[in-house]
Amino acid sequence: MSEQKIKIGITQGDINGIGYETIIKAFADSRLLELYTPVIYGSLKVAAYHKKLIPEAEALAFHPIRSAREAQGKKLNLIAVGDDNAQVELGVSTPVGGQNALASLQAATKDLEEGLIDAIVTSPINKANIQSEAFHFPGHTEYLDARFHATEPLMMMVSELMRVGLVTMHLPLAEVAPHITTAAILEKLRALKLSLTQDFAIRAPRIAVLALNPHAGDSGLLGTEEDEIIKPAITAAVSEQILAFGPFAADGFFGSGAYKQYDAVLAMYHDQGLAPFKALAGEEEGVNFTAGLSVVRTSPAHGTGYDIAGKNVANEGSFRAALYLAADIVRNRKIYREITANPLRKYEIDRGGRDMSIKDLPTEASEE
C-alpha cells in the first residue's frame, strides 16, 4: 500500500443509472479529495454528460490519466476504458451499458490485483445486461470471489447501526435450504470473525446467528434445520473460540432491537439479512463489503436506480460511506498485519483479546 493518501479505484457501473451522479455529487465536496486519491475507470464523455445534469457540480473537473500510476492527489482522476462514445440512455437497460460496466470493472480489478490502487468502490451494475462470456456471475461479489480466488468469501452489509453477513447470497429462495449446511455456516462464521478482527479492529467480536425457519423452527414444528444444522455449527464455532450465539428468530431479533447487542449478524439468506438492514440502516448510509478477499472492495448499498436516473435526486450518502469504509479497512488491515507480525502481540490476540502487558506473557519455565 502506498505511504501517501490511499488510492481508491472507482468503477463507473451502468452508465444509464445513478452511479456517475453519486460519484459526482460526493466529490463536489472538495474535502473528499483531501482524504483520498480517487481513480475513476470510465468515460470522460459519459462523465461530462452526467455532470451537466448536476448544476451544483459545475466547478468539478475530471483529470484524464492513462494509468493509475499517474494519479494525482486533490484531483478527480479518470482513466478511459470501454467505448468513450457510448450512448447514454438514462433509466434504460442496454447492452452498451453492460459492456461499459464490465470494461470498467475489469480494468479496476486488474489494477487492484497489480497493487496500483489500494481498494475499489464499485458502482451499481445491471446483473442482466452485464452477462457475457467474460462475466457469468450473479453479481460483483461472485465475480470478485472467482477473480481473487477467495477461500472463505462473505457478502457483508455495513452501517453505523449494524453489520450483516450472509450464508447464501444471490440464490433463488427455493434453492436456499439445500445450501444451508453445518459446514457452510461454520465457514461463514470463521470468515466473519476474521473480518471483524482484521477489517474492523474488533477484538473478540460477538456474532448473532439467525434461524432459517419462522420462530426458529418452533421446536421442530416449523422445521428441523435449527436443531440439526444451525445449532451444531454454533457449537463447533464456539469450540474454535468464535463467540457465536443463537439461532434467533429473525423477526423478533430485529424487531426487539437485539441486534444492538452484537458486533455482527449472520443471516441464512439474502433478504433475511438485507431487508431489515435496509429498513433499519437505510440505503443512504449502508455499504456492501466483500469480506474474505485478499483485496478491499466496497459498494453502495443501492442498485442502478433507473427510475431516478438523470433527475438529480439520487443520494450520494451510500457511495461516500463506501469510500470511507474502503479506506478504513485498508488502514485496519495494515495495522492488523503489523500487530500479528509481532510475536508478543500475536500471543495477545490468540489468547482472546484481554489486555496484557509484557509481564503477563508466559516465561520459558511456564510454557508447555
Protein backbone atom coordinates (compact mmCIF):
# COMPACT_ATOMS: atom_id res chain seq x y z
CA MET A 1 0.00 0.00 0.00
CA SER A 2 1.20 3.48 -0.80
CA GLU A 3 2.57 5.60 2.03
CA GLN A 4 0.74 8.55 0.51
CA LYS A 5 -3.00 9.10 0.56
CA ILE A 6 -4.99 5.95 -0.03
CA LYS A 7 -5.66 5.47 -3.74
CA ILE A 8 -9.18 4.22 -4.38
CA GLY A 9 -10.34 2.89 -7.72
CA ILE A 10 -13.97 3.62 -8.64
CA THR A 11 -15.88 1.73 -11.32
CA GLN A 12 -18.48 3.62 -13.33
CA GLY A 13 -21.13 0.90 -13.14
CA ASP A 14 -24.09 1.06 -15.52
CA ILE A 15 -23.80 4.35 -17.42
CA ASN A 16 -27.60 4.62 -17.63
CA GLY A 17 -28.05 4.52 -13.87
CA ILE A 18 -27.18 6.76 -10.93
CA GLY A 19 -23.56 5.67 -10.50
CA TYR A 20 -22.00 8.78 -12.00
CA GLU A 21 -24.48 11.04 -10.24
CA THR A 22 -23.48 9.73 -6.82
CA ILE A 23 -19.77 9.92 -7.69
CA ILE A 24 -20.04 13.50 -8.93
CA LYS A 25 -22.17 14.67 -6.01
CA ALA A 26 -19.78 13.13 -3.49
CA PHE A 27 -16.66 14.72 -5.00
CA ALA A 28 -18.40 18.06 -5.49
CA ASP A 29 -17.41 18.38 -1.83
CA SER A 30 -13.70 19.00 -2.40
CA ARG A 31 -12.85 17.89 1.13
CA LEU A 32 -13.01 14.28 -0.07
CA LEU A 33 -10.06 14.96 -2.35
CA GLU A 34 -8.06 15.96 0.71
CA LEU A 35 -8.60 12.50 2.17
CA TYR A 36 -8.16 10.11 -0.76
CA THR A 37 -6.80 9.93 -4.29
CA PRO A 38 -9.67 8.69 -6.48
CA VAL A 39 -9.23 6.93 -9.81
CA ILE A 40 -12.42 6.51 -11.87
CA TYR A 41 -12.44 3.84 -14.56
CA GLY A 42 -14.89 5.06 -17.16
CA SER A 43 -15.59 7.53 -19.94
CA LEU A 44 -14.78 11.23 -19.87
CA LYS A 45 -17.64 11.99 -22.25
CA VAL A 46 -20.16 9.95 -20.27
CA ALA A 47 -18.95 11.53 -17.04
CA ALA A 48 -19.28 15.00 -18.55
CA TYR A 49 -22.80 14.17 -19.75
CA HIS A 50 -23.89 13.26 -16.23
CA LYS A 51 -22.11 16.25 -14.74
CA LYS A 52 -24.17 18.65 -16.87
CA LEU A 53 -27.30 17.31 -15.15
CA ILE A 54 -25.97 18.38 -11.73
CA PRO A 55 -25.74 22.20 -11.57
CA GLU A 56 -24.16 22.21 -8.11
CA ALA A 57 -21.17 20.27 -9.50
CA GLU A 58 -20.34 22.85 -12.18
CA ALA A 59 -16.90 23.60 -10.70
CA LEU A 60 -15.90 19.92 -10.53
CA ALA A 61 -13.27 18.89 -13.08
CA PHE A 62 -12.13 15.45 -14.22
CA HIS A 63 -8.40 14.84 -14.63
CA PRO A 64 -7.72 12.42 -17.52
CA ILE A 65 -4.83 9.99 -16.95
CA ARG A 66 -3.57 6.95 -18.83
CA SER A 67 -2.54 4.83 -15.85
CA ALA A 68 -3.24 4.67 -12.13
CA ARG A 69 0.48 5.37 -11.69
CA GLU A 70 -0.20 8.90 -12.96
CA ALA A 71 -2.99 9.61 -10.47
CA GLN A 72 -2.56 12.93 -8.70
CA GLY A 73 -3.74 13.94 -5.27
CA LYS A 74 -6.51 16.53 -4.89
CA LYS A 75 -7.78 15.69 -8.39
CA LEU A 76 -10.64 13.54 -9.65
CA ASN A 77 -8.57 11.23 -11.85
CA LEU A 78 -10.22 9.32 -14.69
CA ILE A 79 -8.85 6.50 -16.84
CA ALA A 80 -10.67 5.98 -20.14
CA VAL A 81 -11.98 2.42 -20.56
CA GLY A 82 -14.59 0.90 -22.81
CA ASP A 83 -16.34 2.93 -25.52
CA ASP A 84 -15.77 6.63 -24.87
CA ASN A 85 -18.56 7.44 -27.33
CA ALA A 86 -21.09 5.14 -25.70
CA GLN A 87 -24.63 6.44 -25.91
CA VAL A 88 -26.28 7.20 -22.59
CA GLU A 89 -29.95 6.22 -22.34
CA LEU A 90 -30.94 7.26 -18.86
CA GLY A 91 -33.08 4.76 -16.98
CA VAL A 92 -32.82 2.11 -19.70
CA SER A 93 -31.05 -1.24 -19.61
CA THR A 94 -28.94 -1.54 -22.75
CA PRO A 95 -26.18 -3.88 -23.99
CA VAL A 96 -23.86 -0.87 -24.21
CA GLY A 97 -24.49 -0.11 -20.56
CA GLY A 98 -23.48 -3.64 -19.61
CA GLN A 99 -20.42 -3.70 -21.86
CA ASN A 100 -19.04 -0.46 -20.44
CA ALA A 101 -19.76 -1.52 -16.87
CA LEU A 102 -17.77 -4.71 -17.45
CA ALA A 103 -14.87 -2.89 -19.11
CA SER A 104 -14.65 -0.59 -16.09
CA LEU A 105 -14.77 -3.48 -13.61
CA GLN A 106 -12.11 -5.48 -15.46
CA ALA A 107 -9.72 -2.54 -15.65
CA ALA A 108 -10.15 -1.63 -11.99
CA THR A 109 -9.70 -5.19 -10.72
CA LYS A 110 -6.60 -5.60 -12.88
CA ASP A 111 -5.01 -2.52 -11.30
CA LEU A 112 -6.11 -3.70 -7.85
CA GLU A 113 -4.51 -7.08 -8.46
CA GLU A 114 -1.27 -5.37 -9.55
CA GLY A 115 -1.22 -3.10 -6.50
CA LEU A 116 -1.64 0.14 -8.45
CA ILE A 117 -4.61 1.08 -6.29
CA ASP A 118 -5.32 0.24 -2.65
CA ALA A 119 -9.04 -0.58 -2.88
CA ILE A 120 -12.03 -0.36 -5.20
CA VAL A 121 -15.52 1.03 -4.79
CA THR A 122 -17.86 -0.49 -7.36
CA SER A 123 -20.82 1.48 -8.69
CA PRO A 124 -24.07 -0.44 -9.31
CA ILE A 125 -24.40 -2.72 -12.33
CA ASN A 126 -27.38 -4.32 -14.03
CA LYS A 127 -26.90 -8.02 -13.36
CA ALA A 128 -28.72 -8.94 -16.59
CA ASN A 129 -27.14 -6.71 -19.24
CA ILE A 130 -23.58 -7.30 -18.00
CA GLN A 131 -23.77 -11.04 -18.63
CA SER A 132 -21.29 -12.24 -21.26
CA GLU A 133 -18.58 -14.82 -21.85
CA ALA A 134 -16.34 -12.77 -19.57
CA PHE A 135 -18.98 -12.24 -16.88
CA HIS A 136 -21.35 -15.05 -15.96
CA PHE A 137 -21.91 -14.32 -12.29
CA PRO A 138 -24.95 -13.27 -10.22
CA GLY A 139 -23.15 -10.10 -9.13
CA HIS A 140 -19.95 -8.29 -8.18
CA THR A 141 -19.34 -10.47 -5.13
CA GLU A 142 -19.19 -13.75 -7.01
CA TYR A 143 -17.06 -12.22 -9.78
CA LEU A 144 -14.52 -10.95 -7.26
CA ASP A 145 -14.54 -14.24 -5.38
CA ALA A 146 -13.51 -16.02 -8.57
CA ARG A 147 -11.07 -13.33 -9.69
CA PHE A 148 -9.14 -13.30 -6.41
CA HIS A 149 -9.58 -16.99 -5.55
CA ALA A 150 -11.28 -16.36 -2.21
CA THR A 151 -11.35 -19.35 0.14
CA GLU A 152 -13.99 -18.01 2.53
CA PRO A 153 -15.85 -15.21 0.69
CA LEU A 154 -18.55 -13.36 2.59
CA MET A 155 -21.05 -10.73 1.50
CA MET A 156 -21.49 -8.22 4.31
CA MET A 157 -23.74 -5.19 4.66
CA VAL A 158 -22.24 -2.49 6.88
CA SER A 159 -23.51 0.67 8.53
CA GLU A 160 -23.01 2.51 11.80
CA LEU A 161 -26.06 0.65 13.12
CA MET A 162 -25.23 -2.95 12.25
CA ARG A 163 -23.19 -5.42 10.21
CA VAL A 164 -24.93 -8.31 8.48
CA GLY A 165 -23.19 -11.26 6.80
CA LEU A 166 -24.86 -13.89 4.61
CA VAL A 167 -24.50 -17.66 4.43
CA THR A 168 -26.07 -17.76 0.95
CA MET A 169 -26.03 -14.80 -1.42
CA HIS A 170 -27.74 -14.48 -4.79
CA LEU A 171 -29.81 -17.66 -4.84
CA PRO A 172 -33.49 -18.21 -5.68
CA LEU A 173 -35.36 -18.75 -2.42
CA ALA A 174 -36.33 -22.28 -3.47
CA GLU A 175 -32.63 -23.20 -3.59
CA VAL A 176 -31.62 -21.74 -0.22
CA ALA A 177 -32.41 -24.62 2.15
CA PRO A 178 -30.15 -27.23 0.47
CA HIS A 179 -27.25 -24.77 0.76
CA ILE A 180 -27.73 -24.29 4.50
CA THR A 181 -25.30 -26.82 5.94
CA THR A 182 -23.32 -27.00 9.15
CA ALA A 183 -20.09 -26.74 7.18
CA ALA A 184 -21.29 -23.68 5.24
CA ILE A 185 -22.41 -21.85 8.38
CA LEU A 186 -19.17 -22.65 10.19
CA GLU A 187 -17.14 -21.40 7.21
CA LYS A 188 -19.04 -18.11 7.19
CA LEU A 189 -18.63 -17.70 10.94
CA ARG A 190 -14.88 -18.13 10.58
CA ALA A 191 -14.77 -15.58 7.77
CA LEU A 192 -16.97 -13.16 9.69
CA LYS A 193 -14.84 -13.37 12.84
CA LEU A 194 -11.65 -12.80 10.84
CA SER A 195 -13.15 -9.82 9.04
CA LEU A 196 -14.45 -8.24 12.23
CA THR A 197 -10.99 -8.63 13.74
CA GLN A 198 -8.74 -7.51 10.87
CA ASP A 199 -11.07 -5.21 8.92
CA PHE A 200 -13.00 -3.57 11.74
CA ALA A 201 -10.47 -3.83 14.59
CA ILE A 202 -12.94 -5.56 16.93
CA ARG A 203 -11.36 -7.88 19.45
CA ALA A 204 -13.39 -10.93 20.49
CA PRO A 205 -16.41 -9.99 18.33
CA ARG A 206 -19.88 -11.24 19.29
CA ILE A 207 -21.85 -12.76 16.39
CA ALA A 208 -25.59 -13.45 16.37
CA VAL A 209 -26.74 -16.32 14.13
CA LEU A 210 -30.26 -16.21 12.70
CA ALA A 211 -32.57 -19.19 12.33
CA LEU A 212 -33.77 -20.38 8.93
CA ASN A 213 -37.40 -21.07 9.78
CA PRO A 214 -40.12 -18.93 11.39
CA HIS A 215 -39.91 -18.91 15.19
CA ALA A 216 -36.56 -20.68 14.93
CA GLY A 217 -38.36 -23.88 13.93
CA ASP A 218 -40.70 -23.81 16.96
CA SER A 219 -39.19 -26.96 18.49
CA GLY A 220 -39.33 -28.79 15.19
CA LEU A 221 -42.93 -27.94 14.29
CA LEU A 222 -41.84 -25.48 11.59
CA GLY A 223 -38.60 -27.09 10.51
CA THR A 224 -35.65 -29.04 11.88
CA GLU A 225 -32.72 -27.12 10.39
CA GLU A 226 -32.17 -25.18 13.61
CA ASP A 227 -31.61 -28.31 15.71
CA GLU A 228 -29.95 -30.46 13.08
CA ILE A 229 -27.77 -27.94 11.23
CA ILE A 230 -27.51 -24.46 12.75
CA LYS A 231 -27.01 -25.34 16.43
CA PRO A 232 -24.22 -27.85 15.67
CA ALA A 233 -22.49 -25.15 13.60
CA ILE A 234 -22.69 -22.71 16.51
CA THR A 235 -21.34 -25.35 18.90
CA ALA A 236 -18.44 -26.07 16.58
CA ALA A 237 -17.75 -22.36 16.21
CA VAL A 238 -17.67 -21.85 19.98
CA SER A 239 -15.16 -24.70 20.26
CA GLU A 240 -12.95 -22.63 17.91
CA GLN A 241 -13.17 -19.59 20.19
CA ILE A 242 -15.76 -17.85 17.99
CA LEU A 243 -18.33 -16.03 20.11
CA ALA A 244 -21.42 -17.16 18.22
CA PHE A 245 -24.94 -17.07 19.68
CA GLY A 246 -28.36 -18.27 18.55
CA PRO A 247 -30.13 -19.31 16.47
CA PHE A 248 -32.52 -16.37 16.78
CA ALA A 249 -35.87 -15.98 15.04
CA ALA A 250 -35.22 -13.12 12.62
CA ASP A 251 -38.45 -11.17 13.17
CA GLY A 252 -38.13 -10.93 16.93
CA PHE A 253 -34.38 -10.41 16.78
CA PHE A 254 -34.62 -7.28 14.63
CA GLY A 255 -37.98 -6.13 15.98
CA SER A 256 -36.77 -6.11 19.59
CA GLY A 257 -33.51 -4.33 18.77
CA ALA A 258 -31.47 -7.32 19.92
CA TYR A 259 -29.07 -6.73 17.02
CA LYS A 260 -27.63 -3.80 19.01
CA GLN A 261 -26.02 -6.27 21.44
CA TYR A 262 -23.82 -7.87 18.78
CA ASP A 263 -20.94 -6.84 16.56
CA ALA A 264 -22.42 -8.64 13.57
CA VAL A 265 -25.33 -10.80 12.48
CA LEU A 266 -25.09 -13.89 10.27
CA ALA A 267 -28.26 -14.33 8.18
CA MET A 268 -29.10 -17.51 6.32
CA TYR A 269 -30.19 -15.92 3.03
CA HIS A 270 -30.20 -12.64 1.10
CA ASP A 271 -33.50 -10.99 2.00
CA GLN A 272 -33.46 -12.26 5.58
CA GLY A 273 -30.43 -10.06 6.16
CA LEU A 274 -30.81 -7.25 3.64
CA ALA A 275 -34.50 -6.43 4.14
CA PRO A 276 -34.11 -5.49 7.84
CA PHE A 277 -30.72 -3.94 7.17
CA LYS A 278 -32.11 -1.55 4.58
CA ALA A 279 -35.24 -0.87 6.62
CA LEU A 280 -33.30 -0.03 9.78
CA ALA A 281 -29.96 1.27 8.49
CA GLY A 282 -31.23 2.69 5.21
CA GLU A 283 -29.70 2.61 1.73
CA GLU A 284 -28.39 6.15 2.13
CA GLU A 285 -25.64 5.11 4.54
CA GLY A 286 -25.34 1.36 4.01
CA VAL A 287 -22.36 -0.25 2.32
CA ASN A 288 -21.89 -3.62 0.64
CA PHE A 289 -18.49 -5.07 1.60
CA THR A 290 -16.96 -8.26 0.23
CA ALA A 291 -15.14 -9.82 3.16
CA GLY A 292 -12.78 -12.75 2.83
CA LEU A 293 -10.89 -11.32 -0.15
CA SER A 294 -7.19 -10.56 -0.23
CA VAL A 295 -8.16 -7.14 -1.61
CA VAL A 296 -10.57 -4.46 -0.38
CA ARG A 297 -13.85 -3.87 -2.23
CA THR A 298 -16.90 -1.91 -1.11
CA SER A 299 -20.01 -0.72 -2.93
CA PRO A 300 -23.06 1.46 -2.27
CA ALA A 301 -25.99 -0.49 -0.86
CA HIS A 302 -28.37 0.62 -3.63
CA GLY A 303 -28.85 -0.52 -7.23
CA THR A 304 -28.73 1.23 -10.59
CA GLY A 305 -31.70 3.45 -9.72
CA TYR A 306 -33.06 3.53 -13.26
CA ASP A 307 -36.30 5.12 -12.04
CA ILE A 308 -34.49 8.25 -10.81
CA ALA A 309 -31.52 8.34 -13.21
CA GLY A 310 -30.84 11.82 -14.59
CA LYS A 311 -33.28 13.55 -12.23
CA ASN A 312 -30.61 14.86 -9.83
CA VAL A 313 -32.35 13.31 -6.84
CA ALA A 314 -30.02 10.37 -6.09
CA ASN A 315 -28.47 10.43 -2.62
CA GLU A 316 -24.68 10.11 -2.60
CA GLY A 317 -24.51 9.13 1.08
CA SER A 318 -24.05 5.41 0.46
CA PHE A 319 -21.29 6.00 -2.09
CA ARG A 320 -19.50 8.34 0.30
CA ALA A 321 -19.83 5.77 3.09
CA ALA A 322 -18.36 3.14 0.75
CA LEU A 323 -15.32 5.37 0.22
CA TYR A 324 -14.88 5.88 3.96
CA LEU A 325 -15.21 2.19 4.72
CA ALA A 326 -12.79 1.12 1.99
CA ALA A 327 -10.13 3.46 3.34
CA ASP A 328 -10.77 2.40 6.95
CA ILE A 329 -10.39 -1.27 6.06
CA VAL A 330 -7.15 -0.63 4.16
CA ARG A 331 -5.76 1.08 7.27
CA ASN A 332 -7.09 -1.55 9.68
CA ARG A 333 -5.58 -4.39 7.66
CA LYS A 334 -2.22 -2.66 7.64
CA ILE A 335 -2.35 -2.29 11.43
CA TYR A 336 -3.52 -5.89 11.84
CA ARG A 337 -0.60 -7.16 9.74
CA GLU A 338 1.83 -5.15 11.82
CA ILE A 339 0.36 -6.36 15.10
CA THR A 340 0.23 -10.03 14.16
CA ALA A 341 3.77 -9.89 12.78
CA ASN A 342 4.98 -9.19 16.33
CA PRO A 343 5.05 -12.47 18.31
CA LEU A 344 4.19 -10.73 21.61
CA ARG A 345 1.12 -9.04 20.12
CA LYS A 346 0.12 -12.20 18.26
CA TYR A 347 0.07 -14.09 21.53
CA GLU A 348 -2.25 -11.43 22.95
CA ILE A 349 -4.73 -11.81 20.07
CA ASP A 350 -4.62 -15.61 20.13
CA ARG A 351 -5.43 -15.60 23.83
CA GLY A 352 -8.76 -13.92 23.13
CA GLY A 353 -8.11 -10.22 23.39
CA ARG A 354 -7.74 -9.47 27.14
CA ASP A 355 -5.35 -6.59 27.80
CA MET A 356 -1.88 -7.94 28.53
CA SER A 357 1.47 -6.36 29.18
CA ILE A 358 4.85 -8.00 28.65
CA LYS A 359 4.89 -9.19 32.24
CA ASP A 360 1.65 -11.10 31.54
CA LEU A 361 3.34 -13.28 28.93
CA PRO A 362 4.42 -16.78 29.96
CA THR A 363 8.02 -17.33 30.92
CA GLU A 364 10.04 -20.13 29.37
CA ALA A 365 9.58 -22.18 32.51
CA SER A 366 5.80 -21.88 32.37
CA GLU A 367 5.41 -22.68 28.67
CA GLU A 368 4.17 -26.11 27.74
